[in-house]
Structures are given as structure tokens and as C-alpha cells.
Amino acid sequence: MADHKSYRWLIVGTFSIVCALAHAASGFNITQSDEGKVAIGMDTTEVQRSLGPPEVVFRFPRQPGPTWTYNVVGAPFGITKFDVDFGADGRVVSANERIIGTIW
């Protein structure tokens, strides 16, 4: 009976890891060196030309423009995102790395 439960947890664990990897692969990935390509004042076309389309676009309440998020691969502290915030004029007002950490 214990072997059957162990086998079930092995399958569930494997499935979870595969899903996490597939999710990460579905977005556009950048490296930490790519982050330096973004400068304050760039417009959305320039950012997209430099980094590609974002993984996620989100509009925070009371913010003048959207936030584009990219997945950073090869970051030393695990799961890392790079957020590019745009103003109402469609130009970059800030760009910051956000460390989430490991999935464990």
C-alpha cells in the first residue's frame, strides 16, 4: 500500500514540474543582460523591438499605463521577472527586476 501512494506522489510531483516548465516556456524569455536594453523614455515599439513581446501585460489600478512582464532565464536566485512600467504617453517610466525565488 505504501508503494502505491509513493508512486502516486511521484506522478503528481512529475506532473507539477512539467506544468511549471511548460508555463515558463510559453512566455518570452530574456536574460539579465537583456534588461540593460531598456531605457527610461523608450516607447512600446522600441521595447518590443529590443526584448520581444512581453510574457504578461497588466494594468494596475491608479497607474497611468500598463506594466509589461518578462521571464528572466538564468537568474542566480531562481524565478525572476523583469517589469517594464509605461506612463500615460506610452513611454517607459521605470524598469525593475523582481525576484520570486525557487518553486520549492
PDB file of N, CA and C in Angstrom:
ATOM      1  N   MET A   1       0.816  -1.195   0.000  1.00  0.00           N
ATOM      2  CA  MET A   1       0.000   0.000   0.000  1.00  0.00           C
ATOM      3  C   MET A   1       0.865   1.268   0.000  1.00  0.00           C
ATOM      4  N   ALA A   2       1.957   1.266   0.755  1.00  0.00           N
ATOM      5  CA  ALA A   2       2.831   2.437   0.810  1.00  0.00           C
ATOM      6  C   ALA A   2       3.483   2.683  -0.548  1.00  0.00           C
ATOM      7  N   ASP A   3       3.829   1.589  -1.261  1.00  0.00           N
ATOM      8  CA  ASP A   3       4.439   1.746  -2.575  1.00  0.00           C
ATOM      9  C   ASP A   3       3.477   2.394  -3.559  1.00  0.00           C
ATOM     10  N   HIS A   4       2.206   2.053  -3.465  1.00  0.00           N
ATOM     11  CA  HIS A   4       1.191   2.628  -4.347  1.00  0.00           C
ATOM     12  C   HIS A   4       1.064   4.136  -4.111  1.00  0.00           C
ATOM     13  N   LYS A   5       1.085   4.565  -2.845  1.00  0.00           N
ATOM     14  CA  LYS A   5       1.000   6.001  -2.537  1.00  0.00           C
ATOM     15  C   LYS A   5       2.252   6.733  -3.003  1.00  0.00           C
ATOM     16  N   SER A   6       3.411   6.110  -2.827  1.00  0.00           N
ATOM     17  CA  SER A   6       4.663   6.729  -3.274  1.00  0.00           C
ATOM     18  C   SER A   6       4.645   6.939  -4.781  1.00  0.00           C
ATOM     19  N   TYR A   7       4.166   5.942  -5.490  1.00  0.00           N
ATOM     20  CA  TYR A   7       4.077   6.022  -6.946  1.00  0.00           C
ATOM     21  C   TYR A   7       3.143   7.157  -7.364  1.00  0.00           C
ATOM     22  N   ARG A   8       2.022   7.286  -6.678  1.00  0.00           N
ATOM     23  CA  ARG A   8       1.051   8.348  -6.987  1.00  0.00           C
ATOM     24  C   ARG A   8       1.691   9.718  -6.764  1.00  0.00           C
ATOM     25  N   TRP A   9       2.417   9.890  -5.658  1.00  0.00           N
ATOM     26  CA  TRP A   9       3.050  11.179  -5.389  1.00  0.00           C
ATOM     27  C   TRP A   9       4.164  11.477  -6.386  1.00  0.00           C
ATOM     28  N   LEU A  10       4.841  10.437  -6.853  1.00  0.00           N
ATOM     29  CA  LEU A  10       5.857  10.615  -7.877  1.00  0.00           C
ATOM     30  C   LEU A  10       5.239  11.147  -9.165  1.00  0.00           C
ATOM     31  N   ILE A  11       4.109  10.587  -9.539  1.00  0.00           N
ATOM     32  CA  ILE A  11       3.408  11.047 -10.744  1.00  0.00           C
ATOM     33  C   ILE A  11       2.922  12.481 -10.574  1.00  0.00           C
ATOM     34  N   VAL A  12       2.323  12.784  -9.429  1.00  0.00           N
ATOM     35  CA  VAL A  12       1.823  14.140  -9.172  1.00  0.00           C
ATOM     36  C   VAL A  12       2.981  15.135  -9.178  1.00  0.00           C
ATOM     37  N   GLY A  13       4.102  14.786  -8.532  1.00  0.00           N
ATOM     38  CA  GLY A  13       5.260  15.669  -8.500  1.00  0.00           C
ATOM     39  C   GLY A  13       5.837  15.920  -9.876  1.00  0.00           C
ATOM     40  N   THR A  14       5.959  14.870 -10.655  1.00  0.00           N
ATOM     41  CA  THR A  14       6.482  14.999 -12.018  1.00  0.00           C
ATOM     42  C   THR A  14       5.568  15.884 -12.864  1.00  0.00           C
ATOM     43  N   PHE A  15       4.270  15.656 -12.745  1.00  0.00           N
ATOM     44  CA  PHE A  15       3.295  16.455 -13.489  1.00  0.00           C
ATOM     45  C   PHE A  15       3.406  17.929 -13.107  1.00  0.00           C
ATOM     46  N   SER A  16       3.570  18.216 -11.831  1.00  0.00           N
ATOM     47  CA  SER A  16       3.681  19.602 -11.374  1.00  0.00           C
ATOM     48  C   SER A  16       4.912  20.286 -11.954  1.00  0.00           C
ATOM     49  N   ILE A  17       6.031  19.575 -11.960  1.00  0.00           N
ATOM     50  CA  ILE A  17       7.260  20.153 -12.504  1.00  0.00           C
ATOM     51  C   ILE A  17       7.131  20.407 -14.000  1.00  0.00           C
ATOM     52  N   VAL A  18       6.566  19.444 -14.719  1.00  0.00           N
ATOM     53  CA  VAL A  18       6.385  19.600 -16.163  1.00  0.00           C
ATOM     54  C   VAL A  18       5.464  20.778 -16.462  1.00  0.00           C
ATOM     55  N   CYS A  19       4.396  20.932 -15.692  1.00  0.00           N
ATOM     56  CA  CYS A  19       3.479  22.068 -15.897  1.00  0.00           C
ATOM     57  C   CYS A  19       4.189  23.395 -15.647  1.00  0.00           C
ATOM     58  N   ALA A  20       4.990  23.469 -14.598  1.00  0.00           N
ATOM     59  CA  ALA A  20       5.716  24.706 -14.297  1.00  0.00           C
ATOM     60  C   ALA A  20       6.690  25.048 -15.419  1.00  0.00           C
ATOM     61  N   LEU A  21       7.399  24.049 -15.920  1.00  0.00           N
ATOM     62  CA  LEU A  21       8.338  24.295 -17.014  1.00  0.00           C
ATOM     63  C   LEU A  21       7.620  24.694 -18.295  1.00  0.00           C
ATOM     64  N   ALA A  22       6.502  24.071 -18.573  1.00  0.00           N
ATOM     65  CA  ALA A  22       5.730  24.422 -19.771  1.00  0.00           C
ATOM     66  C   ALA A  22       5.198  25.838 -19.668  1.00  0.00           C
ATOM     67  N   HIS A  23       4.766  26.227 -18.483  1.00  0.00           N
ATOM     68  CA  HIS A  23       4.258  27.585 -18.291  1.00  0.00           C
ATOM     69  C   HIS A  23       5.376  28.599 -18.519  1.00  0.00           C
ATOM     70  N   ALA A  24       6.547  28.326 -17.975  1.00  0.00           N
ATOM     71  CA  ALA A  24       7.671  29.244 -18.153  1.00  0.00           C
ATOM     72  C   ALA A  24       8.080  29.327 -19.619  1.00  0.00           C
ATOM     73  N   ALA A  25       7.981  28.222 -20.330  1.00  0.00           N
ATOM     74  CA  ALA A  25       8.383  28.203 -21.738  1.00  0.00           C
ATOM     75  C   ALA A  25       7.383  28.897 -22.638  1.00  0.00           C
ATOM     76  N   SER A  26       6.145  29.114 -22.162  1.00  0.00           N
ATOM     77  CA  SER A  26       5.114  29.697 -23.009  1.00  0.00           C
ATOM     78  C   SER A  26       5.293  31.201 -23.209  1.00  0.00           C
ATOM     79  N   GLY A  27       6.002  31.869 -22.280  1.00  0.00           N
ATOM     80  CA  GLY A  27       6.196  33.300 -22.406  1.00  0.00           C
ATOM     81  C   GLY A  27       7.511  33.626 -23.083  1.00  0.00           C
ATOM     82  N   PHE A  28       7.763  34.892 -23.285  1.00  0.00           N
ATOM     83  CA  PHE A  28       9.009  35.322 -23.893  1.00  0.00           C
ATOM     84  C   PHE A  28      10.054  35.475 -22.803  1.00  0.00           C
ATOM     85  N   ASN A  29      11.184  34.837 -23.004  1.00  0.00           N
ATOM     86  CA  ASN A  29      12.245  34.847 -22.018  1.00  0.00           C
ATOM     87  C   ASN A  29      13.347  35.803 -22.432  1.00  0.00           C
ATOM     88  N   ILE A  30      13.939  36.456 -21.424  1.00  0.00           N
ATOM     89  CA  ILE A  30      15.087  37.314 -21.638  1.00  0.00           C
ATOM     90  C   ILE A  30      16.172  36.895 -20.647  1.00  0.00           C
ATOM     91  N   THR A  31      17.364  37.414 -20.822  1.00  0.00           N
ATOM     92  CA  THR A  31      18.440  37.193 -19.865  1.00  0.00           C
ATOM     93  C   THR A  31      18.653  38.484 -19.083  1.00  0.00           C
ATOM     94  N   GLN A  32      19.431  38.400 -18.010  1.00  0.00           N
ATOM     95  CA  GLN A  32      19.701  39.612 -17.235  1.00  0.00           C
ATOM     96  C   GLN A  32      20.425  40.656 -18.075  1.00  0.00           C
ATOM     97  N   SER A  33      21.247  40.239 -19.013  1.00  0.00           N
ATOM     98  CA  SER A  33      21.943  41.220 -19.856  1.00  0.00           C
ATOM     99  C   SER A  33      20.973  41.945 -20.786  1.00  0.00           C
ATOM    100  N   ASP A  34      19.839  41.312 -21.123  1.00  0.00           N
ATOM    101  CA  ASP A  34      18.832  41.970 -21.968  1.00  0.00           C
ATOM    102  C   ASP A  34      18.156  43.131 -21.244  1.00  0.00           C
ATOM    103  N   GLU A  35      18.115  43.068 -19.918  1.00  0.00           N
ATOM    104  CA  GLU A  35      17.444  44.129 -19.151  1.00  0.00           C
ATOM    105  C   GLU A  35      18.047  45.498 -19.430  1.00  0.00           C
ATOM    106  N   GLY A  36      19.350  45.541 -19.687  1.00  0.00           N
ATOM    107  CA  GLY A  36      20.035  46.799 -19.960  1.00  0.00           C
ATOM    108  C   GLY A  36      19.642  47.447 -21.278  1.00  0.00           C
ATOM    109  N   LYS A  37      18.910  46.737 -22.114  1.00  0.00           N
ATOM    110  CA  LYS A  37      18.462  47.292 -23.390  1.00  0.00           C
ATOM    111  C   LYS A  37      17.300  48.264 -23.224  1.00  0.00           C
ATOM    112  N   VAL A  38      16.668  48.255 -22.047  1.00  0.00           N
ATOM    113  CA  VAL A  38      15.508  49.122 -21.802  1.00  0.00           C
ATOM    114  C   VAL A  38      15.967  50.396 -21.095  1.00  0.00           C
ATOM    115  N   ALA A  39      15.536  51.537 -21.620  1.00  0.00           N
ATOM    116  CA  ALA A  39      15.902  52.828 -21.039  1.00  0.00           C
ATOM    117  C   ALA A  39      14.646  53.664 -20.792  1.00  0.00           C
ATOM    118  N   ILE A  40      14.709  54.476 -19.779  1.00  0.00           N
ATOM    119  CA  ILE A  40      13.613  55.399 -19.484  1.00  0.00           C
ATOM    120  C   ILE A  40      13.364  56.254 -20.727  1.00  0.00           C
ATOM    121  N   GLY A  41      12.093  56.399 -21.076  1.00  0.00           N
ATOM    122  CA  GLY A  41      11.722  57.217 -22.224  1.00  0.00           C
ATOM    123  C   GLY A  41      11.473  56.444 -23.505  1.00  0.00           C
ATOM    124  N   MET A  42      11.874  55.158 -23.543  1.00  0.00           N
ATOM    125  CA  MET A  42      11.608  54.351 -24.744  1.00  0.00           C
ATOM    126  C   MET A  42      10.101  54.157 -24.892  1.00  0.00           C
ATOM    127  N   ASP A  43       9.632  54.034 -26.126  1.00  0.00           N
ATOM    128  CA  ASP A  43       8.208  53.747 -26.329  1.00  0.00           C
ATOM    129  C   ASP A  43       7.996  52.235 -26.449  1.00  0.00           C
ATOM    130  N   THR A  44       6.740  51.830 -26.528  1.00  0.00           N
ATOM    131  CA  THR A  44       6.410  50.400 -26.541  1.00  0.00           C
ATOM    132  C   THR A  44       7.028  49.678 -27.740  1.00  0.00           C
ATOM    133  N   THR A  45       7.079  50.351 -28.884  1.00  0.00           N
ATOM    134  CA  THR A  45       7.665  49.740 -30.077  1.00  0.00           C
ATOM    135  C   THR A  45       9.156  49.475 -29.879  1.00  0.00           C
ATOM    136  N   GLU A  46       9.855  50.418 -29.275  1.00  0.00           N
ATOM    137  CA  GLU A  46      11.287  50.247 -29.027  1.00  0.00           C
ATOM    138  C   GLU A  46      11.554  49.112 -28.039  1.00  0.00           C
ATOM    139  N   VAL A  47      10.729  49.018 -27.001  1.00  0.00           N
ATOM    140  CA  VAL A  47      10.897  47.947 -26.019  1.00  0.00           C
ATOM    141  C   VAL A  47      10.630  46.599 -26.678  1.00  0.00           C
ATOM    142  N   GLN A  48       9.564  46.521 -27.448  1.00  0.00           N
ATOM    143  CA  GLN A  48       9.232  45.262 -28.102  1.00  0.00           C
ATOM    144  C   GLN A  48      10.313  44.872 -29.122  1.00  0.00           C
ATOM    145  N   ARG A  49      10.879  45.839 -29.790  1.00  0.00           N
ATOM    146  CA  ARG A  49      11.960  45.564 -30.739  1.00  0.00           C
ATOM    147  C   ARG A  49      13.198  45.047 -29.995  1.00  0.00           C
ATOM    148  N   SER A  50      13.447  45.548 -28.795  1.00  0.00           N
ATOM    149  CA  SER A  50      14.622  45.150 -28.013  1.00  0.00           C
ATOM    150  C   SER A  50      14.451  43.814 -27.297  1.00  0.00           C
ATOM    151  N   LEU A  51      13.258  43.576 -26.724  1.00  0.00           N
ATOM    152  CA  LEU A  51      13.044  42.390 -25.892  1.00  0.00           C
ATOM    153  C   LEU A  51      12.060  41.374 -26.458  1.00  0.00           C
ATOM    154  N   GLY A  52      11.272  41.777 -27.433  1.00  0.00           N
ATOM    155  CA  GLY A  52      10.199  40.922 -27.923  1.00  0.00           C
ATOM    156  C   GLY A  52       8.917  41.219 -27.164  1.00  0.00           C
ATOM    157  N   PRO A  53       7.835  40.543 -27.522  1.00  0.00           N
ATOM    158  CA  PRO A  53       6.568  40.759 -26.820  1.00  0.00           C
ATOM    159  C   PRO A  53       6.683  40.304 -25.366  1.00  0.00           C
ATOM    160  N   PRO A  54       5.972  40.962 -24.465  1.00  0.00           N
ATOM    161  CA  PRO A  54       6.041  40.577 -23.050  1.00  0.00           C
ATOM    162  C   PRO A  54       5.310  39.259 -22.786  1.00  0.00           C
ATOM    163  N   GLU A  55       5.688  38.628 -21.687  1.00  0.00           N
ATOM    164  CA  GLU A  55       5.005  37.413 -21.245  1.00  0.00           C
ATOM    165  C   GLU A  55       3.595  37.766 -20.754  1.00  0.00           C
ATOM    166  N   VAL A  56       3.500  38.885 -20.021  1.00  0.00           N
ATOM    167  CA  VAL A  56       2.227  39.330 -19.449  1.00  0.00           C
ATOM    168  C   VAL A  56       2.138  40.846 -19.558  1.00  0.00           C
ATOM    169  N   VAL A  57       0.947  41.351 -19.859  1.00  0.00           N
ATOM    170  CA  VAL A  57       0.668  42.788 -19.807  1.00  0.00           C
ATOM    171  C   VAL A  57      -0.422  42.978 -18.758  1.00  0.00           C
ATOM    172  N   PHE A  58      -0.156  43.869 -17.798  1.00  0.00           N
ATOM    173  CA  PHE A  58      -1.116  44.090 -16.723  1.00  0.00           C
ATOM    174  C   PHE A  58      -1.279  45.580 -16.490  1.00  0.00           C
ATOM    175  N   ARG A  59      -2.487  45.986 -16.177  1.00  0.00           N
ATOM    176  CA  ARG A  59      -2.752  47.397 -15.860  1.00  0.00           C
ATOM    177  C   ARG A  59      -3.158  47.495 -14.393  1.00  0.00           C
ATOM    178  N   PHE A  60      -2.250  48.017 -13.563  1.00  0.00           N
ATOM    179  CA  PHE A  60      -2.539  48.172 -12.142  1.00  0.00           C
ATOM    180  C   PHE A  60      -3.496  49.334 -11.931  1.00  0.00           C
ATOM    181  N   PRO A  61      -4.406  49.216 -10.955  1.00  0.00           N
ATOM    182  CA  PRO A  61      -5.319  50.325 -10.663  1.00  0.00           C
ATOM    183  C   PRO A  61      -4.537  51.593 -10.306  1.00  0.00           C
ATOM    184  N   ARG A  62      -5.017  52.708 -10.757  1.00  0.00           N
ATOM    185  CA  ARG A  62      -4.458  54.034 -10.493  1.00  0.00           C
ATOM    186  C   ARG A  62      -3.052  54.244 -11.054  1.00  0.00           C
ATOM    187  N   GLN A  63      -2.643  53.400 -11.995  1.00  0.00           N
ATOM    188  CA  GLN A  63      -1.369  53.598 -12.678  1.00  0.00           C
ATOM    189  C   GLN A  63      -1.653  54.173 -14.063  1.00  0.00           C
ATOM    190  N   PRO A  64      -0.840  55.094 -14.533  1.00  0.00           N
ATOM    191  CA  PRO A  64      -1.121  55.767 -15.799  1.00  0.00           C
ATOM    192  C   PRO A  64      -1.000  54.889 -17.038  1.00  0.00           C
ATOM    193  N   GLY A  65      -0.204  53.831 -16.959  1.00  0.00           N
ATOM    194  CA  GLY A  65      -0.004  52.972 -18.121  1.00  0.00           C
ATOM    195  C   GLY A  65       0.182  51.522 -17.710  1.00  0.00           C
ATOM    196  N   PRO A  66       0.349  50.642 -18.685  1.00  0.00           N
ATOM    197  CA  PRO A  66       0.479  49.209 -18.394  1.00  0.00           C
ATOM    198  C   PRO A  66       1.874  48.840 -17.882  1.00  0.00           C
ATOM    199  N   THR A  67       1.969  47.650 -17.321  1.00  0.00           N
ATOM    200  CA  THR A  67       3.235  47.043 -16.935  1.00  0.00           C
ATOM    201  C   THR A  67       3.429  45.807 -17.788  1.00  0.00           C
ATOM    202  N   TRP A  68       4.575  45.719 -18.446  1.00  0.00           N
ATOM    203  CA  TRP A  68       4.922  44.538 -19.228  1.00  0.00           C
ATOM    204  C   TRP A  68       5.874  43.702 -18.395  1.00  0.00           C
ATOM    205  N   THR A  69       5.637  42.392 -18.344  1.00  0.00           N
ATOM    206  CA  THR A  69       6.479  41.497 -17.559  1.00  0.00           C
ATOM    207  C   THR A  69       7.131  40.458 -18.459  1.00  0.00           C
ATOM    208  N   TYR A  70       8.427  40.270 -18.247  1.00  0.00           N
ATOM    209  CA  TYR A  70       9.220  39.279 -18.967  1.00  0.00           C
ATOM    210  C   TYR A  70       9.788  38.273 -17.970  1.00  0.00           C
ATOM    211  N   ASN A  71       9.927  37.024 -18.393  1.00  0.00           N
ATOM    212  CA  ASN A  71      10.567  35.993 -17.598  1.00  0.00           C
ATOM    213  C   ASN A  71      12.077  36.075 -17.841  1.00  0.00           C
ATOM    214  N   VAL A  72      12.859  36.123 -16.753  1.00  0.00           N
ATOM    215  CA  VAL A  72      14.316  36.192 -16.856  1.00  0.00           C
ATOM    216  C   VAL A  72      14.883  34.793 -16.648  1.00  0.00           C
ATOM    217  N   VAL A  73      15.578  34.271 -17.652  1.00  0.00           N
ATOM    218  CA  VAL A  73      16.173  32.938 -17.549  1.00  0.00           C
ATOM    219  C   VAL A  73      17.624  33.047 -17.096  1.00  0.00           C
ATOM    220  N   GLY A  74      18.063  32.045 -16.361  1.00  0.00           N
ATOM    221  CA  GLY A  74      19.445  32.004 -15.911  1.00  0.00           C
ATOM    222  C   GLY A  74      19.758  32.937 -14.760  1.00  0.00           C
ATOM    223  N   ALA A  75      18.733  33.485 -14.093  1.00  0.00           N
ATOM    224  CA  ALA A  75      18.966  34.375 -12.960  1.00  0.00           C
ATOM    225  C   ALA A  75      19.467  33.552 -11.764  1.00  0.00           C
ATOM    226  N   PRO A  76      20.395  34.087 -10.980  1.00  0.00           N
ATOM    227  CA  PRO A  76      21.016  33.306  -9.917  1.00  0.00           C
ATOM    228  C   PRO A  76      20.111  32.977  -8.723  1.00  0.00           C
ATOM    229  N   PHE A  77      18.997  33.666  -8.561  1.00  0.00           N
ATOM    230  CA  PHE A  77      18.156  33.454  -7.384  1.00  0.00           C
ATOM    231  C   PHE A  77      16.838  32.762  -7.701  1.00  0.00           C
ATOM    232  N   GLY A  78      16.782  32.009  -8.783  1.00  0.00           N
ATOM    233  CA  GLY A  78      15.574  31.276  -9.130  1.00  0.00           C
ATOM    234  C   GLY A  78      14.660  32.087 -10.031  1.00  0.00           C
ATOM    235  N   ILE A  79      13.364  31.898  -9.869  1.00  0.00           N
ATOM    236  CA  ILE A  79      12.379  32.557 -10.729  1.00  0.00           C
ATOM    237  C   ILE A  79      12.496  34.070 -10.566  1.00  0.00           C
ATOM    238  N   THR A  80      12.734  34.738 -11.686  1.00  0.00           N
ATOM    239  CA  THR A  80      12.923  36.187 -11.686  1.00  0.00           C
ATOM    240  C   THR A  80      12.120  36.788 -12.839  1.00  0.00           C
ATOM    241  N   LYS A  81      11.468  37.901 -12.571  1.00  0.00           N
ATOM    242  CA  LYS A  81      10.687  38.625 -13.574  1.00  0.00           C
ATOM    243  C   LYS A  81      11.291  40.005 -13.778  1.00  0.00           C
ATOM    244  N   PHE A  82      11.094  40.545 -14.971  1.00  0.00           N
ATOM    245  CA  PHE A  82      11.538  41.901 -15.291  1.00  0.00           C
ATOM    246  C   PHE A  82      10.312  42.694 -15.696  1.00  0.00           C
ATOM    247  N   ASP A  83       9.989  43.721 -14.910  1.00  0.00           N
ATOM    248  CA  ASP A  83       8.803  44.540 -15.142  1.00  0.00           C
ATOM    249  C   ASP A  83       9.186  45.862 -15.784  1.00  0.00           C
ATOM    250  N   VAL A  84       8.473  46.217 -16.851  1.00  0.00           N
ATOM    251  CA  VAL A  84       8.670  47.498 -17.531  1.00  0.00           C
ATOM    252  C   VAL A  84       7.367  48.270 -17.391  1.00  0.00           C
ATOM    253  N   ASP A  85       7.419  49.414 -16.688  1.00  0.00           N
ATOM    254  CA  ASP A  85       6.237  50.244 -16.450  1.00  0.00           C
ATOM    255  C   ASP A  85       6.204  51.404 -17.440  1.00  0.00           C
ATOM    256  N   PHE A  86       5.025  51.598 -18.039  1.00  0.00           N
ATOM    257  CA  PHE A  86       4.830  52.675 -19.007  1.00  0.00           C
ATOM    258  C   PHE A  86       3.938  53.759 -18.425  1.00  0.00           C
ATOM    259  N   GLY A  87       4.181  54.983 -18.844  1.00  0.00           N
ATOM    260  CA  GLY A  87       3.338  56.103 -18.446  1.00  0.00           C
ATOM    261  C   GLY A  87       2.159  56.245 -19.392  1.00  0.00           C
ATOM    262  N   ALA A  88       1.338  57.260 -19.148  1.00  0.00           N
ATOM    263  CA  ALA A  88       0.160  57.507 -19.979  1.00  0.00           C
ATOM    264  C   ALA A  88       0.529  57.807 -21.426  1.00  0.00           C
ATOM    265  N   ASP A  89       1.748  58.314 -21.648  1.00  0.00           N
ATOM    266  CA  ASP A  89       2.201  58.631 -23.004  1.00  0.00           C
ATOM    267  C   ASP A  89       2.788  57.419 -23.729  1.00  0.00           C
ATOM    268  N   GLY A  90       2.778  56.242 -23.093  1.00  0.00           N
ATOM    269  CA  GLY A  90       3.293  55.034 -23.726  1.00  0.00           C
ATOM    270  C   GLY A  90       4.808  54.910 -23.685  1.00  0.00           C
ATOM    271  N   ARG A  91       5.444  55.676 -22.808  1.00  0.00           N
ATOM    272  CA  ARG A  91       6.900  55.630 -22.684  1.00  0.00           C
ATOM    273  C   ARG A  91       7.303  55.024 -21.338  1.00  0.00           C
ATOM    274  N   VAL A  92       8.470  54.386 -21.312  1.00  0.00           N
ATOM    275  CA  VAL A  92       8.959  53.725 -20.100  1.00  0.00           C
ATOM    276  C   VAL A  92       9.215  54.753 -19.003  1.00  0.00           C
ATOM    277  N   VAL A  93       8.644  54.490 -17.820  1.00  0.00           N
ATOM    278  CA  VAL A  93       8.898  55.342 -16.655  1.00  0.00           C
ATOM    279  C   VAL A  93       9.762  54.617 -15.626  1.00  0.00           C
ATOM    280  N   SER A  94       9.748  53.276 -15.646  1.00  0.00           N
ATOM    281  CA  SER A  94      10.639  52.503 -14.771  1.00  0.00           C
ATOM    282  C   SER A  94      10.764  51.081 -15.297  1.00  0.00           C
ATOM    283  N   ALA A  95      11.856  50.433 -14.912  1.00  0.00           N
ATOM    284  CA  ALA A  95      12.091  49.042 -15.277  1.00  0.00           C
ATOM    285  C   ALA A  95      12.853  48.396 -14.127  1.00  0.00           C
ATOM    286  N   ASN A  96      12.287  47.313 -13.591  1.00  0.00           N
ATOM    287  CA  ASN A  96      12.866  46.700 -12.402  1.00  0.00           C
ATOM    288  C   ASN A  96      12.796  45.187 -12.455  1.00  0.00           C
ATOM    289  N   GLU A  97      13.801  44.553 -11.862  1.00  0.00           N
ATOM    290  CA  GLU A  97      13.819  43.108 -11.718  1.00  0.00           C
ATOM    291  C   GLU A  97      13.090  42.742 -10.422  1.00  0.00           C
ATOM    292  N   ARG A  98      12.305  41.677 -10.491  1.00  0.00           N
ATOM    293  CA  ARG A  98      11.550  41.200  -9.319  1.00  0.00           C
ATOM    294  C   ARG A  98      11.903  39.734  -9.097  1.00  0.00           C
ATOM    295  N   ILE A  99      12.493  39.426  -7.938  1.00  0.00           N
ATOM    296  CA  ILE A  99      12.916  38.064  -7.624  1.00  0.00           C
ATOM    297  C   ILE A  99      11.789  37.358  -6.881  1.00  0.00           C
ATOM    298  N   ILE A 100      11.350  36.235  -7.428  1.00  0.00           N
ATOM    299  CA  ILE A 100      10.300  35.427  -6.799  1.00  0.00           C
ATOM    300  C   ILE A 100      10.940  34.297  -6.002  1.00  0.00           C
ATOM    301  N   GLY A 101      12.028  33.740  -6.486  1.00  0.00           N
ATOM    302  CA  GLY A 101      12.736  32.668  -5.788  1.00  0.00           C
ATOM    303  C   GLY A 101      12.491  31.326  -6.436  1.00  0.00           C
ATOM    304  N   THR A 102      12.677  30.276  -5.682  1.00  0.00           N
ATOM    305  CA  THR A 102      12.500  28.919  -6.213  1.00  0.00           C
ATOM    306  C   THR A 102      11.067  28.467  -6.060  1.00  0.00           C
ATOM    307  N   ILE A 103      10.705  27.426  -6.809  1.00  0.00           N
ATOM    308  CA  ILE A 103       9.345  26.897  -6.711  1.00  0.00           C
ATOM    309  C   ILE A 103       9.188  25.956  -5.530  1.00  0.00           C
ATOM    310  N   TRP A 104      10.273  25.654  -4.849  1.00  0.00           N
ATOM    311  CA  TRP A 104      10.219  24.769  -3.685  1.00  0.00           C
ATOM    312  C   TRP A 104      10.237  25.602  -2.472  1.00  0.00           C
TER     313      TRP A 104
END
